[in-house]
Amino acid sequence: MGRGPYSYRDDPAVPDFPDDRPLVLFDGDCALCSGSARKILKHDRAGVFRLAPTQSHLGRALLVHYGVDPDDPYTMLIVQDGRARERSDGVLAIAARLPLPWRLAVVGRIVPRVIRDTAYDFIARRRRRFPGQAWCALPPHGVDLKDRVLG
């Protein structure tokens, strides 16, 4: 993740996309990740976040740009203010922009990153075992996807 701000703009493999708001990349083949994306859409009534599945052209290109294997993404990635955050830092960055009570999750920052990321990795390695639906273009009830989902 050690790339400069907005470095993807200079990467010819990354298609242009609106980066005026945070973009969350999630594994659309994973029920846990897709469920998280649906929860973001549902609770982010102000439309702070855009989302893109890692299986999309944009999602794959950004993963490669940031050194994440696009065929086995181990992390939900958030691109915010031109910088990427992954693993527990990404989750906490998302929580910080959601309304209460979700915002309260930021207290997790008091836990050292190595411990948070170890817990994140434990769940991420088992993410495909969780039951539920993988991503499809159907939004949560009452949520308009226009300008919210890219790719």
N, C-alpha and C. Protein backbone atom coordinates (compact mmCIF):
# COMPACT_ATOMS: atom_id res chain seq x y z
N MET A 1 0.82 -1.19 0.00
CA MET A 1 0.00 0.00 0.00
C MET A 1 0.86 1.26 0.00
N GLY A 2 2.17 1.11 -0.17
CA GLY A 2 3.08 2.24 -0.09
C GLY A 2 3.16 3.05 -1.35
N ARG A 3 2.06 3.43 -1.90
CA ARG A 3 2.03 4.28 -3.09
C ARG A 3 1.60 5.67 -2.70
N GLY A 4 2.04 6.65 -3.49
CA GLY A 4 1.68 8.03 -3.21
C GLY A 4 0.21 8.30 -3.48
N PRO A 5 -0.29 9.42 -2.95
CA PRO A 5 -1.70 9.78 -3.18
C PRO A 5 -2.02 9.88 -4.67
N TYR A 6 -3.14 9.33 -5.04
CA TYR A 6 -3.67 9.37 -6.40
C TYR A 6 -2.71 8.75 -7.42
N SER A 7 -1.83 7.84 -7.01
CA SER A 7 -0.89 7.21 -7.93
C SER A 7 -1.60 6.43 -9.04
N TYR A 8 -2.81 5.96 -8.77
CA TYR A 8 -3.55 5.20 -9.77
C TYR A 8 -3.90 6.05 -10.99
N ARG A 9 -3.94 7.36 -10.84
CA ARG A 9 -4.25 8.24 -11.97
C ARG A 9 -3.17 8.16 -13.04
N ASP A 10 -1.95 7.81 -12.64
CA ASP A 10 -0.84 7.70 -13.59
C ASP A 10 -0.64 6.27 -14.08
N ASP A 11 -1.45 5.34 -13.64
CA ASP A 11 -1.34 3.94 -14.03
C ASP A 11 -2.28 3.70 -15.22
N PRO A 12 -1.72 3.43 -16.41
CA PRO A 12 -2.58 3.25 -17.59
C PRO A 12 -3.51 2.04 -17.49
N ALA A 13 -3.21 1.10 -16.61
CA ALA A 13 -4.07 -0.08 -16.45
C ALA A 13 -5.33 0.22 -15.64
N VAL A 14 -5.34 1.32 -14.89
CA VAL A 14 -6.49 1.66 -14.06
C VAL A 14 -7.39 2.62 -14.84
N PRO A 15 -8.63 2.18 -15.11
CA PRO A 15 -9.54 3.07 -15.83
C PRO A 15 -9.89 4.31 -14.99
N ASP A 16 -10.22 5.39 -15.67
CA ASP A 16 -10.66 6.58 -14.96
C ASP A 16 -11.94 6.28 -14.19
N PHE A 17 -12.04 6.85 -13.01
CA PHE A 17 -13.25 6.70 -12.21
C PHE A 17 -13.39 7.93 -11.34
N PRO A 18 -14.61 8.26 -10.93
CA PRO A 18 -14.79 9.41 -10.05
C PRO A 18 -14.21 9.09 -8.66
N ASP A 19 -13.23 9.89 -8.25
CA ASP A 19 -12.58 9.62 -6.97
C ASP A 19 -12.79 10.75 -5.97
N ASP A 20 -13.92 11.43 -6.10
CA ASP A 20 -14.25 12.51 -5.18
C ASP A 20 -14.85 12.00 -3.87
N ARG A 21 -15.17 10.71 -3.84
CA ARG A 21 -15.70 10.08 -2.63
C ARG A 21 -14.96 8.76 -2.42
N PRO A 22 -14.96 8.23 -1.21
CA PRO A 22 -14.29 6.96 -0.97
C PRO A 22 -14.90 5.83 -1.81
N LEU A 23 -14.02 4.97 -2.32
CA LEU A 23 -14.44 3.80 -3.10
C LEU A 23 -14.06 2.55 -2.32
N VAL A 24 -15.04 1.69 -2.08
CA VAL A 24 -14.82 0.44 -1.37
C VAL A 24 -14.81 -0.69 -2.38
N LEU A 25 -13.71 -1.45 -2.42
CA LEU A 25 -13.60 -2.64 -3.26
C LEU A 25 -13.89 -3.84 -2.39
N PHE A 26 -14.78 -4.72 -2.84
CA PHE A 26 -15.16 -5.89 -2.06
C PHE A 26 -15.24 -7.10 -2.98
N ASP A 27 -15.02 -8.27 -2.42
CA ASP A 27 -15.08 -9.53 -3.17
C ASP A 27 -16.54 -9.88 -3.42
N GLY A 28 -16.96 -9.73 -4.66
CA GLY A 28 -18.35 -10.00 -5.01
C GLY A 28 -18.73 -11.47 -5.01
N ASP A 29 -17.73 -12.36 -4.96
CA ASP A 29 -18.00 -13.79 -4.91
C ASP A 29 -18.13 -14.30 -3.48
N CYS A 30 -17.89 -13.44 -2.52
CA CYS A 30 -17.90 -13.80 -1.11
C CYS A 30 -19.19 -13.28 -0.47
N ALA A 31 -19.94 -14.18 0.15
CA ALA A 31 -21.20 -13.77 0.78
C ALA A 31 -20.97 -12.79 1.93
N LEU A 32 -19.92 -13.01 2.72
CA LEU A 32 -19.62 -12.11 3.84
C LEU A 32 -19.27 -10.71 3.32
N CYS A 33 -18.43 -10.65 2.30
CA CYS A 33 -18.01 -9.36 1.74
C CYS A 33 -19.18 -8.66 1.06
N SER A 34 -19.96 -9.42 0.31
CA SER A 34 -21.12 -8.85 -0.37
C SER A 34 -22.16 -8.35 0.64
N GLY A 35 -22.32 -9.10 1.71
CA GLY A 35 -23.23 -8.65 2.78
C GLY A 35 -22.75 -7.35 3.40
N SER A 36 -21.43 -7.23 3.57
CA SER A 36 -20.87 -5.98 4.11
C SER A 36 -21.12 -4.83 3.15
N ALA A 37 -20.97 -5.09 1.85
CA ALA A 37 -21.22 -4.04 0.85
C ALA A 37 -22.69 -3.61 0.89
N ARG A 38 -23.60 -4.57 1.02
CA ARG A 38 -25.02 -4.23 1.11
C ARG A 38 -25.30 -3.39 2.36
N LYS A 39 -24.66 -3.74 3.47
CA LYS A 39 -24.85 -2.97 4.71
C LYS A 39 -24.33 -1.54 4.55
N ILE A 40 -23.21 -1.39 3.88
CA ILE A 40 -22.69 -0.04 3.63
C ILE A 40 -23.71 0.75 2.82
N LEU A 41 -24.22 0.17 1.75
CA LEU A 41 -25.21 0.87 0.93
C LEU A 41 -26.45 1.22 1.73
N LYS A 42 -26.89 0.30 2.56
CA LYS A 42 -28.12 0.52 3.33
C LYS A 42 -27.95 1.62 4.37
N HIS A 43 -26.84 1.62 5.09
CA HIS A 43 -26.66 2.56 6.20
C HIS A 43 -26.00 3.87 5.80
N ASP A 44 -25.42 3.91 4.64
CA ASP A 44 -24.78 5.14 4.14
C ASP A 44 -25.82 5.95 3.37
N ARG A 45 -26.77 6.47 4.08
CA ARG A 45 -27.87 7.20 3.43
C ARG A 45 -27.42 8.51 2.81
N ALA A 46 -26.30 9.04 3.26
CA ALA A 46 -25.77 10.29 2.70
C ALA A 46 -25.02 10.04 1.39
N GLY A 47 -24.81 8.78 1.05
CA GLY A 47 -24.11 8.47 -0.20
C GLY A 47 -22.63 8.82 -0.18
N VAL A 48 -22.01 8.63 0.97
CA VAL A 48 -20.58 8.94 1.11
C VAL A 48 -19.74 7.99 0.26
N PHE A 49 -20.10 6.72 0.25
CA PHE A 49 -19.28 5.69 -0.40
C PHE A 49 -19.78 5.30 -1.77
N ARG A 50 -18.82 4.97 -2.62
CA ARG A 50 -19.09 4.23 -3.84
C ARG A 50 -18.50 2.85 -3.62
N LEU A 51 -19.04 1.86 -4.33
CA LEU A 51 -18.55 0.50 -4.21
C LEU A 51 -18.26 -0.08 -5.58
N ALA A 52 -17.33 -1.03 -5.61
CA ALA A 52 -17.04 -1.77 -6.84
C ALA A 52 -16.60 -3.18 -6.45
N PRO A 53 -17.17 -4.18 -7.10
CA PRO A 53 -16.71 -5.54 -6.83
C PRO A 53 -15.30 -5.73 -7.38
N THR A 54 -14.51 -6.55 -6.70
CA THR A 54 -13.14 -6.79 -7.16
C THR A 54 -13.13 -7.54 -8.49
N GLN A 55 -14.24 -8.13 -8.87
CA GLN A 55 -14.32 -8.85 -10.13
C GLN A 55 -14.51 -7.90 -11.32
N SER A 56 -14.82 -6.64 -11.07
CA SER A 56 -15.00 -5.67 -12.15
C SER A 56 -13.64 -5.26 -12.71
N HIS A 57 -13.64 -4.69 -13.89
CA HIS A 57 -12.39 -4.22 -14.51
C HIS A 57 -11.70 -3.20 -13.60
N LEU A 58 -12.46 -2.25 -13.08
CA LEU A 58 -11.91 -1.24 -12.18
C LEU A 58 -11.37 -1.89 -10.91
N GLY A 59 -12.14 -2.78 -10.31
CA GLY A 59 -11.71 -3.45 -9.09
C GLY A 59 -10.42 -4.22 -9.27
N ARG A 60 -10.34 -5.01 -10.33
CA ARG A 60 -9.13 -5.79 -10.60
C ARG A 60 -7.93 -4.88 -10.82
N ALA A 61 -8.12 -3.82 -11.60
CA ALA A 61 -7.00 -2.92 -11.90
C ALA A 61 -6.48 -2.24 -10.63
N LEU A 62 -7.38 -1.81 -9.76
CA LEU A 62 -6.94 -1.18 -8.52
C LEU A 62 -6.25 -2.18 -7.59
N LEU A 63 -6.75 -3.40 -7.53
CA LEU A 63 -6.09 -4.41 -6.70
C LEU A 63 -4.66 -4.65 -7.18
N VAL A 64 -4.50 -4.83 -8.49
CA VAL A 64 -3.16 -5.04 -9.04
C VAL A 64 -2.28 -3.83 -8.75
N HIS A 65 -2.83 -2.63 -8.93
CA HIS A 65 -2.06 -1.41 -8.67
C HIS A 65 -1.53 -1.39 -7.24
N TYR A 66 -2.33 -1.84 -6.30
CA TYR A 66 -1.93 -1.82 -4.89
C TYR A 66 -1.32 -3.13 -4.40
N GLY A 67 -1.00 -4.03 -5.32
CA GLY A 67 -0.27 -5.25 -4.96
C GLY A 67 -1.10 -6.34 -4.31
N VAL A 68 -2.40 -6.35 -4.57
CA VAL A 68 -3.28 -7.39 -4.03
C VAL A 68 -3.65 -8.33 -5.17
N ASP A 69 -3.55 -9.62 -4.94
CA ASP A 69 -3.88 -10.63 -5.95
C ASP A 69 -5.36 -10.52 -6.30
N PRO A 70 -5.69 -10.15 -7.55
CA PRO A 70 -7.11 -9.99 -7.89
C PRO A 70 -7.88 -11.31 -7.95
N ASP A 71 -7.16 -12.43 -8.06
CA ASP A 71 -7.83 -13.73 -8.08
C ASP A 71 -8.09 -14.28 -6.68
N ASP A 72 -7.46 -13.71 -5.68
CA ASP A 72 -7.70 -14.10 -4.30
C ASP A 72 -7.51 -12.89 -3.39
N PRO A 73 -8.42 -11.91 -3.52
CA PRO A 73 -8.25 -10.71 -2.69
C PRO A 73 -8.46 -11.03 -1.22
N TYR A 74 -7.44 -10.77 -0.43
CA TYR A 74 -7.47 -11.10 0.99
C TYR A 74 -8.04 -9.95 1.82
N THR A 75 -8.42 -8.87 1.17
CA THR A 75 -8.84 -7.70 1.92
C THR A 75 -9.92 -6.93 1.20
N MET A 76 -10.74 -6.27 1.98
CA MET A 76 -11.62 -5.24 1.46
C MET A 76 -10.74 -3.99 1.41
N LEU A 77 -10.71 -3.33 0.28
CA LEU A 77 -9.84 -2.18 0.09
C LEU A 77 -10.69 -0.93 -0.01
N ILE A 78 -10.29 0.13 0.65
CA ILE A 78 -10.98 1.41 0.51
C ILE A 78 -9.96 2.42 -0.03
N VAL A 79 -10.35 3.09 -1.10
CA VAL A 79 -9.52 4.15 -1.68
C VAL A 79 -10.19 5.46 -1.31
N GLN A 80 -9.50 6.23 -0.46
CA GLN A 80 -10.06 7.46 0.08
C GLN A 80 -8.99 8.54 0.03
N ASP A 81 -9.34 9.70 -0.52
CA ASP A 81 -8.40 10.81 -0.66
C ASP A 81 -7.13 10.37 -1.39
N GLY A 82 -7.30 9.48 -2.37
CA GLY A 82 -6.20 9.04 -3.21
C GLY A 82 -5.31 7.99 -2.60
N ARG A 83 -5.60 7.54 -1.40
CA ARG A 83 -4.79 6.52 -0.73
C ARG A 83 -5.64 5.29 -0.45
N ALA A 84 -4.97 4.14 -0.46
CA ALA A 84 -5.67 2.88 -0.19
C ALA A 84 -5.42 2.45 1.24
N ARG A 85 -6.48 1.92 1.84
CA ARG A 85 -6.37 1.32 3.17
C ARG A 85 -6.93 -0.08 3.06
N GLU A 86 -6.27 -0.99 3.76
CA GLU A 86 -6.69 -2.39 3.67
C GLU A 86 -6.91 -2.97 5.06
N ARG A 87 -7.44 -4.16 5.06
CA ARG A 87 -7.65 -4.96 6.27
C ARG A 87 -8.37 -4.14 7.35
N SER A 88 -7.91 -4.21 8.59
CA SER A 88 -8.66 -3.56 9.68
C SER A 88 -8.65 -2.04 9.54
N ASP A 89 -7.59 -1.46 8.99
CA ASP A 89 -7.59 -0.01 8.79
C ASP A 89 -8.69 0.40 7.82
N GLY A 90 -8.93 -0.42 6.79
CA GLY A 90 -10.00 -0.14 5.84
C GLY A 90 -11.37 -0.22 6.49
N VAL A 91 -11.57 -1.25 7.29
CA VAL A 91 -12.86 -1.41 7.98
C VAL A 91 -13.11 -0.23 8.91
N LEU A 92 -12.09 0.17 9.65
CA LEU A 92 -12.26 1.31 10.57
C LEU A 92 -12.48 2.62 9.82
N ALA A 93 -11.86 2.77 8.65
CA ALA A 93 -12.09 3.98 7.84
C ALA A 93 -13.53 4.03 7.35
N ILE A 94 -14.08 2.88 7.02
CA ILE A 94 -15.48 2.82 6.60
C ILE A 94 -16.39 3.15 7.78
N ALA A 95 -16.13 2.51 8.91
CA ALA A 95 -16.96 2.74 10.10
C ALA A 95 -16.96 4.21 10.50
N ALA A 96 -15.83 4.87 10.36
CA ALA A 96 -15.72 6.28 10.76
C ALA A 96 -16.64 7.18 9.95
N ARG A 97 -17.03 6.76 8.75
CA ARG A 97 -17.87 7.60 7.89
C ARG A 97 -19.34 7.18 7.90
N LEU A 98 -19.67 6.10 8.62
CA LEU A 98 -21.05 5.66 8.71
C LEU A 98 -21.72 6.32 9.92
N PRO A 99 -23.05 6.36 9.92
CA PRO A 99 -23.74 6.96 11.07
C PRO A 99 -23.68 6.04 12.29
N LEU A 100 -24.07 6.59 13.43
CA LEU A 100 -24.20 5.78 14.64
C LEU A 100 -25.26 4.71 14.42
N PRO A 101 -25.15 3.57 14.97
CA PRO A 101 -24.16 3.07 15.92
C PRO A 101 -22.90 2.51 15.26
N TRP A 102 -22.89 2.41 13.92
CA TRP A 102 -21.75 1.80 13.21
C TRP A 102 -20.45 2.56 13.46
N ARG A 103 -20.56 3.86 13.61
CA ARG A 103 -19.38 4.69 13.83
C ARG A 103 -18.64 4.32 15.12
N LEU A 104 -19.36 3.77 16.07
CA LEU A 104 -18.74 3.40 17.35
C LEU A 104 -17.64 2.35 17.20
N ALA A 105 -17.63 1.64 16.07
CA ALA A 105 -16.60 0.62 15.85
C ALA A 105 -15.20 1.22 15.81
N VAL A 106 -15.09 2.53 15.63
CA VAL A 106 -13.76 3.14 15.57
C VAL A 106 -13.00 3.02 16.88
N VAL A 107 -13.68 2.68 17.96
CA VAL A 107 -12.95 2.45 19.21
C VAL A 107 -11.97 1.29 19.04
N GLY A 108 -12.15 0.49 17.99
CA GLY A 108 -11.23 -0.59 17.69
C GLY A 108 -9.82 -0.10 17.40
N ARG A 109 -9.67 1.20 17.16
CA ARG A 109 -8.34 1.75 16.91
C ARG A 109 -7.43 1.66 18.13
N ILE A 110 -8.02 1.48 19.31
CA ILE A 110 -7.18 1.35 20.51
C ILE A 110 -6.47 0.00 20.53
N VAL A 111 -6.97 -0.95 19.76
CA VAL A 111 -6.33 -2.27 19.66
C VAL A 111 -5.16 -2.13 18.68
N PRO A 112 -3.99 -2.61 19.03
CA PRO A 112 -2.85 -2.52 18.11
C PRO A 112 -3.16 -3.16 16.76
N ARG A 113 -2.66 -2.52 15.70
CA ARG A 113 -2.95 -2.98 14.33
C ARG A 113 -2.59 -4.45 14.13
N VAL A 114 -1.49 -4.90 14.67
CA VAL A 114 -1.08 -6.29 14.47
C VAL A 114 -2.14 -7.25 15.00
N ILE A 115 -2.78 -6.91 16.10
CA ILE A 115 -3.84 -7.76 16.65
C ILE A 115 -5.10 -7.66 15.80
N ARG A 116 -5.47 -6.42 15.42
CA ARG A 116 -6.65 -6.23 14.56
C ARG A 116 -6.48 -6.98 13.24
N ASP A 117 -5.31 -6.85 12.62
CA ASP A 117 -5.09 -7.48 11.32
C ASP A 117 -5.01 -9.00 11.43
N THR A 118 -4.52 -9.51 12.54
CA THR A 118 -4.51 -10.96 12.75
C THR A 118 -5.94 -11.48 12.80
N ALA A 119 -6.80 -10.79 13.52
CA ALA A 119 -8.22 -11.17 13.57
C ALA A 119 -8.87 -11.03 12.19
N TYR A 120 -8.57 -9.95 11.49
CA TYR A 120 -9.11 -9.73 10.14
C TYR A 120 -8.68 -10.88 9.23
N ASP A 121 -7.39 -11.23 9.26
CA ASP A 121 -6.87 -12.29 8.39
C ASP A 121 -7.51 -13.64 8.71
N PHE A 122 -7.74 -13.91 9.98
CA PHE A 122 -8.38 -15.16 10.39
C PHE A 122 -9.75 -15.28 9.74
N ILE A 123 -10.52 -14.22 9.80
CA ILE A 123 -11.86 -14.22 9.19
C ILE A 123 -11.75 -14.24 7.67
N ALA A 124 -10.85 -13.45 7.10
CA ALA A 124 -10.71 -13.36 5.65
C ALA A 124 -10.36 -14.71 5.02
N ARG A 125 -9.51 -15.48 5.69
CA ARG A 125 -9.14 -16.80 5.16
C ARG A 125 -10.34 -17.75 5.14
N ARG A 126 -11.32 -17.48 5.96
CA ARG A 126 -12.49 -18.36 6.06
C ARG A 126 -13.75 -17.72 5.47
N ARG A 127 -13.59 -16.60 4.81
CA ARG A 127 -14.74 -15.80 4.37
C ARG A 127 -15.69 -16.54 3.42
N ARG A 128 -15.18 -17.44 2.65
CA ARG A 128 -16.05 -18.14 1.69
C ARG A 128 -16.87 -19.25 2.33
N ARG A 129 -16.63 -19.51 3.59
CA ARG A 129 -17.40 -20.51 4.32
C ARG A 129 -18.70 -19.94 4.89
N PHE A 130 -18.79 -18.61 4.93
CA PHE A 130 -19.97 -17.97 5.51
C PHE A 130 -21.16 -18.13 4.57
N PRO A 131 -22.32 -18.44 5.11
CA PRO A 131 -23.50 -18.58 4.26
C PRO A 131 -24.03 -17.21 3.84
N GLY A 132 -24.79 -17.22 2.77
CA GLY A 132 -25.42 -15.99 2.30
C GLY A 132 -25.27 -15.85 0.80
N GLN A 133 -25.71 -14.72 0.30
CA GLN A 133 -25.69 -14.46 -1.14
C GLN A 133 -24.43 -13.71 -1.54
N ALA A 134 -23.88 -14.12 -2.69
CA ALA A 134 -22.80 -13.35 -3.28
C ALA A 134 -23.42 -12.10 -3.90
N TRP A 135 -22.59 -11.21 -4.38
CA TRP A 135 -23.05 -9.94 -4.91
C TRP A 135 -23.89 -10.15 -6.16
N CYS A 136 -24.94 -9.41 -6.23
CA CYS A 136 -25.69 -9.26 -7.46
C CYS A 136 -26.10 -7.79 -7.50
N ALA A 137 -26.56 -7.34 -8.60
CA ALA A 137 -26.83 -5.92 -8.76
C ALA A 137 -28.10 -5.45 -8.06
N LEU A 138 -28.73 -6.31 -7.27
CA LEU A 138 -29.94 -5.89 -6.57
C LEU A 138 -29.57 -5.13 -5.31
N PRO A 139 -30.04 -3.90 -5.18
CA PRO A 139 -29.70 -3.11 -4.00
C PRO A 139 -30.55 -3.51 -2.80
N PRO A 140 -30.10 -3.15 -1.61
CA PRO A 140 -30.97 -3.32 -0.44
C PRO A 140 -32.25 -2.52 -0.67
N HIS A 141 -33.31 -2.93 -0.03
CA HIS A 141 -34.61 -2.27 -0.19
C HIS A 141 -34.47 -0.76 0.05
N GLY A 142 -34.95 0.04 -0.90
CA GLY A 142 -34.98 1.48 -0.75
C GLY A 142 -33.67 2.19 -1.09
N VAL A 143 -32.69 1.47 -1.66
CA VAL A 143 -31.40 2.08 -1.99
C VAL A 143 -31.25 2.17 -3.50
N ASP A 144 -30.94 3.36 -3.99
CA ASP A 144 -30.72 3.58 -5.42
C ASP A 144 -29.23 3.41 -5.71
N LEU A 145 -28.91 2.56 -6.68
CA LEU A 145 -27.52 2.28 -7.00
C LEU A 145 -26.88 3.31 -7.93
N LYS A 146 -27.68 4.20 -8.48
CA LYS A 146 -27.14 5.18 -9.41
C LYS A 146 -26.02 5.97 -8.73
N ASP A 147 -24.88 5.98 -9.35
CA ASP A 147 -23.69 6.69 -8.88
C ASP A 147 -23.13 6.11 -7.58
N ARG A 148 -23.56 4.94 -7.19
CA ARG A 148 -23.07 4.34 -5.94
C ARG A 148 -22.21 3.10 -6.21
N VAL A 149 -22.52 2.36 -7.29
CA VAL A 149 -21.78 1.15 -7.59
C VAL A 149 -21.10 1.34 -8.94
N LEU A 150 -19.78 1.17 -8.96
CA LEU A 150 -19.00 1.31 -10.17
C LEU A 150 -18.55 -0.06 -10.63
N GLY A 151 -18.29 -0.17 -11.91
CA GLY A 151 -17.73 -1.44 -12.43
C GLY A 151 -18.76 -2.35 -12.85
